[in-house]
PDB file of N, CA and C in Angstrom:
ATOM      1  N   MET A   1     -54.292 -42.105  41.180  1.00  0.00           N
ATOM      2  CA  MET A   1     -54.439 -43.409  40.591  1.00  0.00           C
ATOM      3  C   MET A   1     -53.823 -43.382  39.200  1.00  0.00           C
ATOM      4  N   SER A   2     -53.136 -44.374  38.855  1.00  0.00           N
ATOM      5  CA  SER A   2     -52.444 -44.450  37.576  1.00  0.00           C
ATOM      6  C   SER A   2     -53.425 -44.682  36.432  1.00  0.00           C
ATOM      7  N   ASP A   3     -53.106 -44.169  35.249  1.00  0.00           N
ATOM      8  CA  ASP A   3     -53.895 -44.412  34.050  1.00  0.00           C
ATOM      9  C   ASP A   3     -53.594 -45.774  33.448  1.00  0.00           C
ATOM     10  N   GLU A   4     -52.606 -46.473  33.968  1.00  0.00           N
ATOM     11  CA  GLU A   4     -52.197 -47.779  33.455  1.00  0.00           C
ATOM     12  C   GLU A   4     -53.090 -48.865  34.047  1.00  0.00           C
ATOM     13  N   VAL A   5     -54.383 -48.829  33.739  1.00  0.00           N
ATOM     14  CA  VAL A   5     -55.326 -49.796  34.274  1.00  0.00           C
ATOM     15  C   VAL A   5     -55.139 -51.131  33.571  1.00  0.00           C
ATOM     16  N   GLY A   6     -55.114 -52.203  34.342  1.00  0.00           N
ATOM     17  CA  GLY A   6     -54.979 -53.538  33.795  1.00  0.00           C
ATOM     18  C   GLY A   6     -53.554 -54.045  33.732  1.00  0.00           C
ATOM     19  N   LYS A   7     -52.583 -53.206  33.986  1.00  0.00           N
ATOM     20  CA  LYS A   7     -51.186 -53.630  33.940  1.00  0.00           C
ATOM     21  C   LYS A   7     -50.637 -53.717  35.362  1.00  0.00           C
ATOM     22  N   ILE A   8     -50.103 -54.856  35.691  1.00  0.00           N
ATOM     23  CA  ILE A   8     -49.492 -55.030  37.005  1.00  0.00           C
ATOM     24  C   ILE A   8     -48.168 -54.277  37.022  1.00  0.00           C
ATOM     25  N   MET A   9     -47.976 -53.481  38.057  1.00  0.00           N
ATOM     26  CA  MET A   9     -46.743 -52.713  38.161  1.00  0.00           C
ATOM     27  C   MET A   9     -45.988 -53.160  39.413  1.00  0.00           C
ATOM     28  N   VAL A  10     -44.747 -53.580  39.235  1.00  0.00           N
ATOM     29  CA  VAL A  10     -43.893 -53.999  40.343  1.00  0.00           C
ATOM     30  C   VAL A  10     -42.610 -53.172  40.285  1.00  0.00           C
ATOM     31  N   VAL A  11     -42.283 -52.541  41.401  1.00  0.00           N
ATOM     32  CA  VAL A  11     -41.056 -51.749  41.494  1.00  0.00           C
ATOM     33  C   VAL A  11     -40.266 -52.256  42.696  1.00  0.00           C
ATOM     34  N   VAL A  12     -39.035 -52.681  42.463  1.00  0.00           N
ATOM     35  CA  VAL A  12     -38.162 -53.156  43.533  1.00  0.00           C
ATOM     36  C   VAL A  12     -36.863 -52.358  43.463  1.00  0.00           C
ATOM     37  N   ASP A  13     -36.478 -51.782  44.574  1.00  0.00           N
ATOM     38  CA  ASP A  13     -35.218 -51.048  44.659  1.00  0.00           C
ATOM     39  C   ASP A  13     -34.334 -51.700  45.710  1.00  0.00           C
ATOM     40  N   TYR A  14     -33.108 -52.036  45.330  1.00  0.00           N
ATOM     41  CA  TYR A  14     -32.137 -52.602  46.259  1.00  0.00           C
ATOM     42  C   TYR A  14     -30.882 -51.726  46.225  1.00  0.00           C
ATOM     43  N   PHE A  15     -30.423 -51.367  47.403  1.00  0.00           N
ATOM     44  CA  PHE A  15     -29.232 -50.530  47.517  1.00  0.00           C
ATOM     45  C   PHE A  15     -28.185 -51.268  48.343  1.00  0.00           C
ATOM     46  N   ASN A  16     -26.931 -51.228  47.903  1.00  0.00           N
ATOM     47  CA  ASN A  16     -25.837 -51.864  48.625  1.00  0.00           C
ATOM     48  C   ASN A  16     -24.724 -50.822  48.774  1.00  0.00           C
ATOM     49  N   TRP A  17     -24.763 -50.107  49.897  1.00  0.00           N
ATOM     50  CA  TRP A  17     -23.787 -49.057  50.131  1.00  0.00           C
ATOM     51  C   TRP A  17     -22.538 -49.626  50.790  1.00  0.00           C
ATOM     52  N   ASP A  18     -21.407 -48.964  50.597  1.00  0.00           N
ATOM     53  CA  ASP A  18     -20.171 -49.422  51.230  1.00  0.00           C
ATOM     54  C   ASP A  18     -20.007 -48.865  52.645  1.00  0.00           C
ATOM     55  N   LYS A  19     -20.946 -47.996  53.070  1.00  0.00           N
ATOM     56  CA  LYS A  19     -20.959 -47.528  54.457  1.00  0.00           C
ATOM     57  C   LYS A  19     -22.404 -47.427  54.917  1.00  0.00           C
ATOM     58  N   THR A  20     -22.627 -47.263  56.200  1.00  0.00           N
ATOM     59  CA  THR A  20     -23.967 -47.228  56.759  1.00  0.00           C
ATOM     60  C   THR A  20     -24.656 -45.913  56.409  1.00  0.00           C
ATOM     61  N   VAL A  21     -25.860 -46.025  55.862  1.00  0.00           N
ATOM     62  CA  VAL A  21     -26.696 -44.860  55.573  1.00  0.00           C
ATOM     63  C   VAL A  21     -27.914 -44.971  56.490  1.00  0.00           C
ATOM     64  N   TYR A  22     -27.983 -44.118  57.492  1.00  0.00           N
ATOM     65  CA  TYR A  22     -29.046 -44.202  58.486  1.00  0.00           C
ATOM     66  C   TYR A  22     -30.389 -43.805  57.888  1.00  0.00           C
ATOM     67  N   TYR A  23     -31.453 -44.433  58.395  1.00  0.00           N
ATOM     68  CA  TYR A  23     -32.845 -44.226  57.995  1.00  0.00           C
ATOM     69  C   TYR A  23     -33.141 -44.652  56.556  1.00  0.00           C
ATOM     70  N   SER A  24     -32.205 -45.230  55.855  1.00  0.00           N
ATOM     71  CA  SER A  24     -32.439 -45.673  54.480  1.00  0.00           C
ATOM     72  C   SER A  24     -32.433 -47.195  54.424  1.00  0.00           C
ATOM     73  N   PRO A  25     -33.509 -47.799  53.925  1.00  0.00           N
ATOM     74  CA  PRO A  25     -33.546 -49.263  53.827  1.00  0.00           C
ATOM     75  C   PRO A  25     -32.730 -49.759  52.648  1.00  0.00           C
ATOM     76  N   HIS A  26     -32.258 -50.978  52.745  1.00  0.00           N
ATOM     77  CA  HIS A  26     -31.548 -51.592  51.626  1.00  0.00           C
ATOM     78  C   HIS A  26     -32.514 -52.092  50.555  1.00  0.00           C
ATOM     79  N   LEU A  27     -33.773 -52.351  50.948  1.00  0.00           N
ATOM     80  CA  LEU A  27     -34.741 -52.918  50.012  1.00  0.00           C
ATOM     81  C   LEU A  27     -36.104 -52.264  50.188  1.00  0.00           C
ATOM     82  N   THR A  28     -36.694 -51.826  49.082  1.00  0.00           N
ATOM     83  CA  THR A  28     -38.088 -51.385  49.055  1.00  0.00           C
ATOM     84  C   THR A  28     -38.759 -52.064  47.876  1.00  0.00           C
ATOM     85  N   ALA A  29     -40.040 -52.377  48.018  1.00  0.00           N
ATOM     86  CA  ALA A  29     -40.790 -53.022  46.941  1.00  0.00           C
ATOM     87  C   ALA A  29     -42.235 -52.546  46.974  1.00  0.00           C
ATOM     88  N   ASN A  30     -42.788 -52.313  45.800  1.00  0.00           N
ATOM     89  CA  ASN A  30     -44.179 -51.898  45.650  1.00  0.00           C
ATOM     90  C   ASN A  30     -44.811 -52.679  44.510  1.00  0.00           C
ATOM     91  N   MET A  31     -46.074 -53.088  44.708  1.00  0.00           N
ATOM     92  CA  MET A  31     -46.809 -53.769  43.651  1.00  0.00           C
ATOM     93  C   MET A  31     -48.231 -53.214  43.594  1.00  0.00           C
ATOM     94  N   HIS A  32     -48.662 -52.834  42.392  1.00  0.00           N
ATOM     95  CA  HIS A  32     -50.015 -52.341  42.147  1.00  0.00           C
ATOM     96  C   HIS A  32     -50.666 -53.227  41.101  1.00  0.00           C
ATOM     97  N   VAL A  33     -51.941 -53.554  41.324  1.00  0.00           N
ATOM     98  CA  VAL A  33     -52.692 -54.369  40.371  1.00  0.00           C
ATOM     99  C   VAL A  33     -54.001 -53.641  40.063  1.00  0.00           C
ATOM    100  N   PRO A  34     -53.979 -52.668  39.149  1.00  0.00           N
ATOM    101  CA  PRO A  34     -55.202 -51.919  38.846  1.00  0.00           C
ATOM    102  C   PRO A  34     -56.232 -52.763  38.098  1.00  0.00           C
ATOM    103  N   ILE A  35     -57.492 -52.590  38.484  1.00  0.00           N
ATOM    104  CA  ILE A  35     -58.604 -53.325  37.883  1.00  0.00           C
ATOM    105  C   ILE A  35     -59.655 -52.310  37.449  1.00  0.00           C
ATOM    106  N   ASN A  36     -60.143 -52.425  36.209  1.00  0.00           N
ATOM    107  CA  ASN A  36     -61.153 -51.517  35.674  1.00  0.00           C
ATOM    108  C   ASN A  36     -62.417 -52.313  35.394  1.00  0.00           C
ATOM    109  N   LEU A  37     -63.523 -51.932  36.017  1.00  0.00           N
ATOM    110  CA  LEU A  37     -64.795 -52.611  35.815  1.00  0.00           C
ATOM    111  C   LEU A  37     -65.703 -51.721  34.973  1.00  0.00           C
ATOM    112  N   ARG A  38     -65.677 -51.903  33.678  1.00  0.00           N
ATOM    113  CA  ARG A  38     -66.516 -51.201  32.708  1.00  0.00           C
ATOM    114  C   ARG A  38     -66.352 -49.684  32.729  1.00  0.00           C
ATOM    115  N   GLY A  39     -65.224 -49.204  33.147  1.00  0.00           N
ATOM    116  CA  GLY A  39     -64.961 -47.770  33.137  1.00  0.00           C
ATOM    117  C   GLY A  39     -65.664 -46.992  34.227  1.00  0.00           C
ATOM    118  N   LYS A  40     -66.529 -47.632  35.001  1.00  0.00           N
ATOM    119  CA  LYS A  40     -67.263 -46.957  36.073  1.00  0.00           C
ATOM    120  C   LYS A  40     -66.583 -47.115  37.431  1.00  0.00           C
ATOM    121  N   ILE A  41     -65.999 -48.276  37.659  1.00  0.00           N
ATOM    122  CA  ILE A  41     -65.356 -48.564  38.942  1.00  0.00           C
ATOM    123  C   ILE A  41     -63.911 -48.958  38.668  1.00  0.00           C
ATOM    124  N   LYS A  42     -63.008 -48.306  39.359  1.00  0.00           N
ATOM    125  CA  LYS A  42     -61.591 -48.662  39.272  1.00  0.00           C
ATOM    126  C   LYS A  42     -61.108 -49.047  40.663  1.00  0.00           C
ATOM    127  N   ILE A  43     -60.466 -50.204  40.750  1.00  0.00           N
ATOM    128  CA  ILE A  43     -59.952 -50.728  42.006  1.00  0.00           C
ATOM    129  C   ILE A  43     -58.442 -50.860  41.851  1.00  0.00           C
ATOM    130  N   ASN A  44     -57.714 -50.377  42.841  1.00  0.00           N
ATOM    131  CA  ASN A  44     -56.250 -50.453  42.771  1.00  0.00           C
ATOM    132  C   ASN A  44     -55.695 -51.025  44.079  1.00  0.00           C
ATOM    133  N   PRO A  45     -55.626 -52.364  44.213  1.00  0.00           N
ATOM    134  CA  PRO A  45     -54.975 -52.938  45.388  1.00  0.00           C
ATOM    135  C   PRO A  45     -53.462 -52.802  45.255  1.00  0.00           C
ATOM    136  N   SER A  46     -52.805 -52.560  46.374  1.00  0.00           N
ATOM    137  CA  SER A  46     -51.348 -52.416  46.339  1.00  0.00           C
ATOM    138  C   SER A  46     -50.729 -52.968  47.615  1.00  0.00           C
ATOM    139  N   ILE A  47     -49.489 -53.389  47.482  1.00  0.00           N
ATOM    140  CA  ILE A  47     -48.701 -53.870  48.618  1.00  0.00           C
ATOM    141  C   ILE A  47     -47.348 -53.169  48.559  1.00  0.00           C
ATOM    142  N   SER A  48     -46.891 -52.670  49.699  1.00  0.00           N
ATOM    143  CA  SER A  48     -45.565 -52.051  49.737  1.00  0.00           C
ATOM    144  C   SER A  48     -44.777 -52.602  50.924  1.00  0.00           C
ATOM    145  N   PHE A  49     -43.478 -52.762  50.706  1.00  0.00           N
ATOM    146  CA  PHE A  49     -42.588 -53.314  51.720  1.00  0.00           C
ATOM    147  C   PHE A  49     -41.370 -52.406  51.846  1.00  0.00           C
ATOM    148  N   MET A  50     -40.960 -52.171  53.079  1.00  0.00           N
ATOM    149  CA  MET A  50     -39.728 -51.435  53.352  1.00  0.00           C
ATOM    150  C   MET A  50     -38.925 -52.236  54.371  1.00  0.00           C
ATOM    151  N   ALA A  51     -37.693 -52.573  54.021  1.00  0.00           N
ATOM    152  CA  ALA A  51     -36.840 -53.367  54.906  1.00  0.00           C
ATOM    153  C   ALA A  51     -36.451 -52.561  56.145  1.00  0.00           C
ATOM    154  N   LYS A  52     -35.887 -53.248  57.122  1.00  0.00           N
ATOM    155  CA  LYS A  52     -35.467 -52.581  58.350  1.00  0.00           C
ATOM    156  C   LYS A  52     -34.422 -51.504  58.055  1.00  0.00           C
ATOM    157  N   ARG A  53     -34.368 -50.512  58.947  1.00  0.00           N
ATOM    158  CA  ARG A  53     -33.434 -49.397  58.778  1.00  0.00           C
ATOM    159  C   ARG A  53     -32.668 -49.169  60.067  1.00  0.00           C
ATOM    160  N   GLU A  54     -31.434 -48.779  59.936  1.00  0.00           N
ATOM    161  CA  GLU A  54     -30.623 -48.461  61.115  1.00  0.00           C
ATOM    162  C   GLU A  54     -30.779 -46.986  61.454  1.00  0.00           C
ATOM    163  N   VAL A  55     -30.760 -46.704  62.757  1.00  0.00           N
ATOM    164  CA  VAL A  55     -30.927 -45.348  63.259  1.00  0.00           C
ATOM    165  C   VAL A  55     -29.757 -45.030  64.172  1.00  0.00           C
ATOM    166  N   LEU A  56     -29.208 -43.853  64.038  1.00  0.00           N
ATOM    167  CA  LEU A  56     -28.130 -43.418  64.915  1.00  0.00           C
ATOM    168  C   LEU A  56     -28.703 -42.442  65.931  1.00  0.00           C
ATOM    169  N   ASP A  57     -28.855 -42.920  67.160  1.00  0.00           N
ATOM    170  CA  ASP A  57     -29.221 -42.038  68.269  1.00  0.00           C
ATOM    171  C   ASP A  57     -28.107 -42.203  69.294  1.00  0.00           C
ATOM    172  N   GLU A  58     -28.407 -42.365  70.552  1.00  0.00           N
ATOM    173  CA  GLU A  58     -27.337 -42.606  71.526  1.00  0.00           C
ATOM    174  C   GLU A  58     -26.621 -43.914  71.215  1.00  0.00           C
ATOM    175  N   TYR A  59     -27.361 -44.852  70.703  1.00  0.00           N
ATOM    176  CA  TYR A  59     -26.826 -46.137  70.278  1.00  0.00           C
ATOM    177  C   TYR A  59     -27.327 -46.384  68.859  1.00  0.00           C
ATOM    178  N   VAL A  60     -26.695 -47.272  68.151  1.00  0.00           N
ATOM    179  CA  VAL A  60     -27.204 -47.651  66.831  1.00  0.00           C
ATOM    180  C   VAL A  60     -28.330 -48.659  67.054  1.00  0.00           C
ATOM    181  N   THR A  61     -29.538 -48.292  66.670  1.00  0.00           N
ATOM    182  CA  THR A  61     -30.704 -49.164  66.823  1.00  0.00           C
ATOM    183  C   THR A  61     -31.327 -49.400  65.453  1.00  0.00           C
ATOM    184  N   GLU A  62     -32.349 -50.233  65.410  1.00  0.00           N
ATOM    185  CA  GLU A  62     -33.020 -50.548  64.158  1.00  0.00           C
ATOM    186  C   GLU A  62     -34.506 -50.252  64.240  1.00  0.00           C
ATOM    187  N   ILE A  63     -35.059 -49.771  63.144  1.00  0.00           N
ATOM    188  CA  ILE A  63     -36.504 -49.677  62.975  1.00  0.00           C
ATOM    189  C   ILE A  63     -36.889 -50.908  62.164  1.00  0.00           C
ATOM    190  N   PRO A  64     -37.842 -51.711  62.652  1.00  0.00           N
ATOM    191  CA  PRO A  64     -38.168 -52.959  61.952  1.00  0.00           C
ATOM    192  C   PRO A  64     -38.781 -52.714  60.573  1.00  0.00           C
ATOM    193  N   SER A  65     -38.759 -53.733  59.749  1.00  0.00           N
ATOM    194  CA  SER A  65     -39.358 -53.631  58.415  1.00  0.00           C
ATOM    195  C   SER A  65     -40.871 -53.475  58.542  1.00  0.00           C
ATOM    196  N   ARG A  66     -41.496 -52.966  57.466  1.00  0.00           N
ATOM    197  CA  ARG A  66     -42.941 -52.802  57.509  1.00  0.00           C
ATOM    198  C   ARG A  66     -43.551 -53.213  56.177  1.00  0.00           C
ATOM    199  N   LEU A  67     -44.780 -53.709  56.256  1.00  0.00           N
ATOM    200  CA  LEU A  67     -45.526 -54.170  55.104  1.00  0.00           C
ATOM    201  C   LEU A  67     -46.898 -53.513  55.141  1.00  0.00           C
ATOM    202  N   HIS A  68     -47.278 -52.850  54.049  1.00  0.00           N
ATOM    203  CA  HIS A  68     -48.579 -52.199  53.972  1.00  0.00           C
ATOM    204  C   HIS A  68     -49.378 -52.794  52.827  1.00  0.00           C
ATOM    205  N   ALA A  69     -50.661 -52.992  53.068  1.00  0.00           N
ATOM    206  CA  ALA A  69     -51.602 -53.378  52.014  1.00  0.00           C
ATOM    207  C   ALA A  69     -52.656 -52.279  51.947  1.00  0.00           C
ATOM    208  N   ASN A  70     -52.932 -51.788  50.742  1.00  0.00           N
ATOM    209  CA  ASN A  70     -53.890 -50.703  50.537  1.00  0.00           C
ATOM    210  C   ASN A  70     -54.840 -51.078  49.411  1.00  0.00           C
ATOM    211  N   ILE A  71     -56.053 -50.501  49.448  1.00  0.00           N
ATOM    212  CA  ILE A  71     -57.006 -50.648  48.357  1.00  0.00           C
ATOM    213  C   ILE A  71     -57.628 -49.280  48.094  1.00  0.00           C
ATOM    214  N   ASP A  72     -57.552 -48.836  46.842  1.00  0.00           N
ATOM    215  CA  ASP A  72     -58.204 -47.602  46.415  1.00  0.00           C
ATOM    216  C   ASP A  72     -59.380 -47.971  45.527  1.00  0.00           C
ATOM    217  N   LEU A  73     -60.565 -47.423  45.825  1.00  0.00           N
ATOM    218  CA  LEU A  73     -61.769 -47.651  45.040  1.00  0.00           C
ATOM    219  C   LEU A  73     -62.243 -46.313  44.486  1.00  0.00           C
ATOM    220  N   HIS A  74     -62.476 -46.243  43.192  1.00  0.00           N
ATOM    221  CA  HIS A  74     -62.974 -45.025  42.554  1.00  0.00           C
ATOM    222  C   HIS A  74     -64.240 -45.377  41.783  1.00  0.00           C
ATOM    223  N   TYR A  75     -65.308 -44.594  41.985  1.00  0.00           N
ATOM    224  CA  TYR A  75     -66.556 -44.774  41.258  1.00  0.00           C
ATOM    225  C   TYR A  75     -66.819 -43.519  40.437  1.00  0.00           C
ATOM    226  N   PHE A  76     -66.967 -43.684  39.130  1.00  0.00           N
ATOM    227  CA  PHE A  76     -67.189 -42.564  38.219  1.00  0.00           C
ATOM    228  C   PHE A  76     -68.658 -42.558  37.803  1.00  0.00           C
ATOM    229  N   TYR A  77     -69.451 -41.674  38.419  1.00  0.00           N
ATOM    230  CA  TYR A  77     -70.874 -41.561  38.098  1.00  0.00           C
ATOM    231  C   TYR A  77     -71.056 -40.911  36.729  1.00  0.00           C
ATOM    232  N   SER A  78     -70.312 -39.851  36.484  1.00  0.00           N
ATOM    233  CA  SER A  78     -70.327 -39.154  35.193  1.00  0.00           C
ATOM    234  C   SER A  78     -68.966 -38.493  35.008  1.00  0.00           C
ATOM    235  N   GLN A  79     -68.806 -37.744  33.917  1.00  0.00           N
ATOM    236  CA  GLN A  79     -67.545 -37.033  33.719  1.00  0.00           C
ATOM    237  C   GLN A  79     -67.371 -35.920  34.744  1.00  0.00           C
ATOM    238  N   GLN A  80     -68.463 -35.477  35.334  1.00  0.00           N
ATOM    239  CA  GLN A  80     -68.388 -34.380  36.297  1.00  0.00           C
ATOM    240  C   GLN A  80     -68.355 -34.841  37.748  1.00  0.00           C
ATOM    241  N   LEU A  81     -68.882 -36.012  38.045  1.00  0.00           N
ATOM    242  CA  LEU A  81     -69.033 -36.439  39.437  1.00  0.00           C
ATOM    243  C   LEU A  81     -68.427 -37.821  39.654  1.00  0.00           C
ATOM    244  N   SER A  82     -67.577 -37.913  40.647  1.00  0.00           N
ATOM    245  CA  SER A  82     -66.997 -39.202  41.021  1.00  0.00           C
ATOM    246  C   SER A  82     -66.770 -39.225  42.529  1.00  0.00           C
ATOM    247  N   ALA A  83     -66.589 -40.426  43.053  1.00  0.00           N
ATOM    248  CA  ALA A  83     -66.339 -40.603  44.480  1.00  0.00           C
ATOM    249  C   ALA A  83     -65.223 -41.625  44.647  1.00  0.00           C
ATOM    250  N   TYR A  84     -64.547 -41.552  45.781  1.00  0.00           N
ATOM    251  CA  TYR A  84     -63.463 -42.503  46.030  1.00  0.00           C
ATOM    252  C   TYR A  84     -63.408 -42.877  47.501  1.00  0.00           C
ATOM    253  N   MET A  85     -62.828 -44.045  47.743  1.00  0.00           N
ATOM    254  CA  MET A  85     -62.583 -44.526  49.101  1.00  0.00           C
ATOM    255  C   MET A  85     -61.211 -45.195  49.087  1.00  0.00           C
ATOM    256  N   GLU A  86     -60.378 -44.825  50.035  1.00  0.00           N
ATOM    257  CA  GLU A  86     -59.054 -45.420  50.176  1.00  0.00           C
ATOM    258  C   GLU A  86     -58.991 -46.156  51.506  1.00  0.00           C
ATOM    259  N   LEU A  87     -58.656 -47.423  51.459  1.00  0.00           N
ATOM    260  CA  LEU A  87     -58.421 -48.218  52.667  1.00  0.00           C
ATOM    261  C   LEU A  87     -56.906 -48.359  52.787  1.00  0.00           C
ATOM    262  N   ASN A  88     -56.321 -47.644  53.696  1.00  0.00           N
ATOM    263  CA  ASN A  88     -54.865 -47.587  53.834  1.00  0.00           C
ATOM    264  C   ASN A  88     -54.393 -48.412  55.024  1.00  0.00           C
ATOM    265  N   ASN A  89     -53.262 -49.070  54.863  1.00  0.00           N
ATOM    266  CA  ASN A  89     -52.617 -49.848  55.914  1.00  0.00           C
ATOM    267  C   ASN A  89     -53.574 -50.899  56.487  1.00  0.00           C
ATOM    268  N   ILE A  90     -54.141 -51.711  55.593  1.00  0.00           N
ATOM    269  CA  ILE A  90     -55.088 -52.749  56.003  1.00  0.00           C
ATOM    270  C   ILE A  90     -54.457 -53.724  56.997  1.00  0.00           C
ATOM    271  N   SER A  91     -53.157 -53.922  56.906  1.00  0.00           N
ATOM    272  CA  SER A  91     -52.462 -54.825  57.830  1.00  0.00           C
ATOM    273  C   SER A  91     -52.327 -54.220  59.231  1.00  0.00           C
ATOM    274  N   ASN A  92     -52.732 -52.957  59.400  1.00  0.00           N
ATOM    275  CA  ASN A  92     -52.720 -52.252  60.687  1.00  0.00           C
ATOM    276  C   ASN A  92     -51.336 -52.228  61.332  1.00  0.00           C
ATOM    277  N   SER A  93     -50.314 -52.068  60.515  1.00  0.00           N
ATOM    278  CA  SER A  93     -48.941 -51.966  61.002  1.00  0.00           C
ATOM    279  C   SER A  93     -48.770 -50.665  61.773  1.00  0.00           C
ATOM    280  N   LYS A  94     -48.114 -50.716  62.905  1.00  0.00           N
ATOM    281  CA  LYS A  94     -47.885 -49.520  63.719  1.00  0.00           C
ATOM    282  C   LYS A  94     -46.414 -49.387  64.090  1.00  0.00           C
ATOM    283  N   GLN A  95     -45.551 -49.583  63.093  1.00  0.00           N
ATOM    284  CA  GLN A  95     -44.113 -49.455  63.301  1.00  0.00           C
ATOM    285  C   GLN A  95     -43.725 -47.981  63.320  1.00  0.00           C
ATOM    286  N   ASP A  96     -42.521 -47.708  63.779  1.00  0.00           N
ATOM    287  CA  ASP A  96     -42.001 -46.343  63.733  1.00  0.00           C
ATOM    288  C   ASP A  96     -41.655 -45.980  62.293  1.00  0.00           C
ATOM    289  N   ILE A  97     -42.082 -44.782  61.871  1.00  0.00           N
ATOM    290  CA  ILE A  97     -41.658 -44.240  60.584  1.00  0.00           C
ATOM    291  C   ILE A  97     -40.275 -43.645  60.777  1.00  0.00           C
ATOM    292  N   TRP A  98     -40.145 -42.817  61.784  1.00  0.00           N
ATOM    293  CA  TRP A  98     -38.880 -42.277  62.270  1.00  0.00           C
ATOM    294  C   TRP A  98     -38.816 -42.669  63.734  1.00  0.00           C
ATOM    295  N   LEU A  99     -37.674 -42.662  64.314  1.00  0.00           N
ATOM    296  CA  LEU A  99     -37.530 -43.086  65.702  1.00  0.00           C
ATOM    297  C   LEU A  99     -38.439 -42.236  66.594  1.00  0.00           C
ATOM    298  N   GLY A 100     -39.392 -42.883  67.267  1.00  0.00           N
ATOM    299  CA  GLY A 100     -40.313 -42.193  68.160  1.00  0.00           C
ATOM    300  C   GLY A 100     -41.581 -41.674  67.494  1.00  0.00           C
ATOM    301  N   TYR A 101     -41.728 -41.825  66.175  1.00  0.00           N
ATOM    302  CA  TYR A 101     -42.921 -41.371  65.458  1.00  0.00           C
ATOM    303  C   TYR A 101     -43.606 -42.570  64.812  1.00  0.00           C
ATOM    304  N   ARG A 102     -44.675 -43.041  65.461  1.00  0.00           N
ATOM    305  CA  ARG A 102     -45.380 -44.218  64.967  1.00  0.00           C
ATOM    306  C   ARG A 102     -46.350 -43.836  63.847  1.00  0.00           C
ATOM    307  N   GLU A 103     -46.573 -44.810  62.947  1.00  0.00           N
ATOM    308  CA  GLU A 103     -47.544 -44.576  61.884  1.00  0.00           C
ATOM    309  C   GLU A 103     -48.960 -44.746  62.412  1.00  0.00           C
ATOM    310  N   ILE A 104     -49.935 -44.309  61.653  1.00  0.00           N
ATOM    311  CA  ILE A 104     -51.325 -44.244  62.094  1.00  0.00           C
ATOM    312  C   ILE A 104     -51.959 -45.611  62.285  1.00  0.00           C
ATOM    313  N   GLY A 105     -51.672 -46.545  61.450  1.00  0.00           N
ATOM    314  CA  GLY A 105     -52.374 -47.820  61.464  1.00  0.00           C
ATOM    315  C   GLY A 105     -53.462 -47.790  60.407  1.00  0.00           C
ATOM    316  N   PHE A 106     -54.457 -48.645  60.525  1.00  0.00           N
ATOM    317  CA  PHE A 106     -55.522 -48.710  59.523  1.00  0.00           C
ATOM    318  C   PHE A 106     -56.286 -47.392  59.499  1.00  0.00           C
ATOM    319  N   ASN A 107     -56.538 -46.878  58.279  1.00  0.00           N
ATOM    320  CA  ASN A 107     -57.334 -45.652  58.145  1.00  0.00           C
ATOM    321  C   ASN A 107     -58.085 -45.665  56.828  1.00  0.00           C
ATOM    322  N   VAL A 108     -59.176 -44.895  56.801  1.00  0.00           N
ATOM    323  CA  VAL A 108     -60.053 -44.801  55.636  1.00  0.00           C
ATOM    324  C   VAL A 108     -60.164 -43.347  55.223  1.00  0.00           C
ATOM    325  N   VAL A 109     -60.085 -43.099  53.918  1.00  0.00           N
ATOM    326  CA  VAL A 109     -60.269 -41.760  53.369  1.00  0.00           C
ATOM    327  C   VAL A 109     -61.434 -41.827  52.388  1.00  0.00           C
ATOM    328  N   LEU A 110     -62.408 -40.934  52.555  1.00  0.00           N
ATOM    329  CA  LEU A 110     -63.564 -40.855  51.664  1.00  0.00           C
ATOM    330  C   LEU A 110     -63.557 -39.490  51.000  1.00  0.00           C
ATOM    331  N   GLY A 111     -63.988 -39.426  49.741  1.00  0.00           N
ATOM    332  CA  GLY A 111     -64.034 -38.145  49.077  1.00  0.00           C
ATOM    333  C   GLY A 111     -64.878 -38.174  47.825  1.00  0.00           C
ATOM    334  N   MET A 112     -65.192 -36.964  47.358  1.00  0.00           N
ATOM    335  CA  MET A 112     -65.947 -36.793  46.115  1.00  0.00           C
ATOM    336  C   MET A 112     -65.232 -35.764  45.263  1.00  0.00           C
ATOM    337  N   ASN A 113     -65.335 -35.935  43.953  1.00  0.00           N
ATOM    338  CA  ASN A 113     -64.800 -34.960  43.009  1.00  0.00           C
ATOM    339  C   ASN A 113     -65.947 -34.441  42.158  1.00  0.00           C
ATOM    340  N   PHE A 114     -66.007 -33.140  42.023  1.00  0.00           N
ATOM    341  CA  PHE A 114     -66.993 -32.512  41.150  1.00  0.00           C
ATOM    342  C   PHE A 114     -66.305 -31.469  40.312  1.00  0.00           C
ATOM    343  N   SER A 115     -66.498 -31.542  39.033  1.00  0.00           N
ATOM    344  CA  SER A 115     -65.900 -30.528  38.153  1.00  0.00           C
ATOM    345  C   SER A 115     -67.028 -29.867  37.360  1.00  0.00           C
ATOM    346  N   PHE A 116     -66.871 -28.580  37.120  1.00  0.00           N
ATOM    347  CA  PHE A 116     -67.912 -27.850  36.385  1.00  0.00           C
ATOM    348  C   PHE A 116     -67.300 -27.014  35.284  1.00  0.00           C
TER     349      PHE A 116
END
């Protein structure tokens, strides 16, 4: 999680090649909107987009574009103990990451941090 709490971060990359670059999208975009609730709870909703990509196999095919929405929640009980929950791929997209390899879809990650 970024230390830049409260600042909206938008990153857009556009590439215009003079020849075909397989598996590389022409457009990617990411947006994070970190929220800090009294230093105890940090919420980081994010959206990421990847444009369609061309694949060279027996024929030139395309992997469709994908859109992911994620939410990271962090709870800081003390300086030594914290917990987090990540809700990944809320849109439940199941597109191919690589040709023949599908992404997981919606998933949840839970964890705790303890330092001594």
